[in-house]
Protein backbone atom coordinates (compact mmCIF):
# COMPACT_ATOMS: atom_id res chain seq x y z
CA UNK A 1 32.06 48.71 -30.66
CA UNK A 2 32.75 52.19 -29.36
CA UNK A 3 33.34 52.52 -25.59
CA UNK A 4 31.19 54.41 -23.70
CA UNK A 5 31.21 55.50 -20.22
CA UNK A 6 27.27 54.52 -19.17
CA UNK A 7 28.66 50.42 -20.15
CA UNK A 8 31.27 50.54 -17.17
CA UNK A 9 28.75 52.16 -14.88
CA UNK A 10 26.32 49.32 -15.88
CA UNK A 11 29.33 46.70 -15.30
CA UNK A 12 30.03 48.29 -11.98
CA UNK A 13 25.84 47.66 -10.67
CA UNK A 14 25.65 44.27 -12.54
CA UNK A 15 28.94 43.20 -13.40
CA UNK A 16 28.58 40.25 -10.66
CA UNK A 17 25.61 38.91 -12.64
CA UNK A 18 27.56 38.37 -15.92
CA UNK A 19 29.91 35.07 -16.27
CA UNK A 20 33.18 35.51 -15.32
CA UNK A 21 34.47 35.32 -18.78
CA UNK A 22 31.83 38.18 -19.92
CA UNK A 23 32.86 40.07 -16.34
CA UNK A 24 36.26 39.57 -17.21
CA UNK A 25 36.58 40.64 -20.76
CA UNK A 26 34.27 43.89 -20.65
CA UNK A 27 36.64 44.72 -17.06
CA UNK A 28 39.76 44.77 -19.36
CA UNK A 29 37.42 46.45 -21.97
CA UNK A 30 36.07 49.32 -20.00
CA UNK A 31 38.35 49.55 -17.25
CA UNK A 32 41.81 48.70 -18.37
CA UNK A 33 40.95 50.07 -21.88
CA UNK A 34 42.75 47.03 -23.16
CA UNK A 35 42.16 46.18 -27.39
CA UNK A 36 40.61 43.30 -28.33
CA UNK A 37 43.63 41.37 -29.20
CA UNK A 38 45.30 42.36 -25.85
CA UNK A 39 42.13 40.74 -23.63
CA UNK A 40 42.54 37.54 -26.22
CA UNK A 41 46.27 37.07 -25.69
CA UNK A 42 45.28 37.75 -21.60
CA UNK A 43 42.15 35.48 -21.94
CA UNK A 44 43.80 33.00 -24.01
CA UNK A 45 40.76 33.28 -26.73
CA UNK A 46 40.39 34.14 -30.17
CA UNK A 47 39.83 37.91 -30.98
CA UNK A 48 36.52 36.99 -32.14
CA UNK A 49 35.75 35.19 -28.65
CA UNK A 50 36.69 38.10 -26.73
CA UNK A 51 34.07 39.82 -29.28
CA UNK A 52 31.30 37.57 -28.27
CA UNK A 53 32.16 38.04 -24.66
CA UNK A 54 31.36 41.59 -24.95
CA UNK A 55 28.32 41.89 -26.76
CA UNK A 56 26.85 38.88 -24.94
CA UNK A 57 27.74 40.82 -21.63
CA UNK A 58 26.52 44.26 -23.10
CA UNK A 59 23.59 42.89 -23.87
CA UNK A 60 22.76 41.63 -20.36
CA UNK A 61 23.65 44.68 -18.79
CA UNK A 62 21.38 46.45 -20.64
CA UNK A 63 18.58 43.92 -20.32
CA UNK A 64 19.55 43.96 -16.24
CA UNK A 65 19.06 47.81 -16.59
CA UNK A 66 16.00 47.59 -18.40
CA UNK A 67 14.03 45.16 -15.65
CA UNK A 68 15.97 46.55 -12.50
CA UNK A 69 16.94 50.31 -13.29
CA UNK A 70 19.32 50.55 -10.61
CA UNK A 71 21.47 52.82 -12.57
CA UNK A 72 18.36 55.64 -13.60
CA UNK A 73 17.28 55.48 -9.89
CA UNK A 74 20.80 56.46 -8.79
CA UNK A 75 21.02 58.71 -11.34
CA UNK A 76 18.11 60.78 -10.64
CA UNK A 77 18.71 60.50 -6.64
CA UNK A 78 22.39 62.05 -7.77
CA UNK A 79 20.59 64.62 -9.59
CA UNK A 80 17.90 65.36 -6.52
CA UNK A 81 20.99 65.51 -3.88
CA UNK A 82 22.65 67.96 -6.32
CA UNK A 83 19.47 70.44 -6.00
CA UNK A 84 19.20 69.68 -2.29
CA UNK A 85 22.64 70.49 -1.73
CA UNK A 86 21.67 74.24 -3.84
CA UNK A 87 18.68 74.66 -2.20
CA UNK A 88 21.04 74.46 1.38
CA UNK A 89 23.37 76.72 0.28
CA UNK A 90 20.64 79.09 -1.03
CA UNK A 91 18.84 79.19 2.92
CA UNK A 92 16.83 76.08 2.50
CA UNK A 93 13.91 76.92 0.94
CA UNK A 94 11.96 73.98 -0.62
CA UNK A 95 14.48 71.65 1.15
CA UNK A 96 11.62 69.52 2.44
CA UNK A 97 9.84 69.05 -0.62
CA UNK A 98 13.07 68.11 -2.54
CA UNK A 99 13.89 65.39 0.36
CA UNK A 100 10.72 63.77 -0.20
CA UNK A 101 11.03 63.47 -3.55
CA UNK A 102 14.12 61.84 -3.08
CA UNK A 103 12.11 59.28 -0.75
CA UNK A 104 9.75 58.59 -3.74
CA UNK A 105 12.52 57.52 -5.71
CA UNK A 106 14.13 55.28 -3.13
């Protein structure tokens, strides 16, 4: 189970939609960088139980993103805003066009 930045970001977006145990296991695993054994001690469950909470939680996070697309939308808007900033620093040419592109992603 390789730790992945995107999983941590998805947890920020959709963590409240998970069960408490899934959310806690994922937070400890991704945000606190704890091992399965450390999480098992903290949650008073087996390592296999922790692994199951993490796997189930990750599957739910991916499903939520597939259906809702908040992370992808956020990433695209962030990219476009960086382009607007660069255009403004370069004199402002094309800013209105980029802003209209951002509005289409909202």
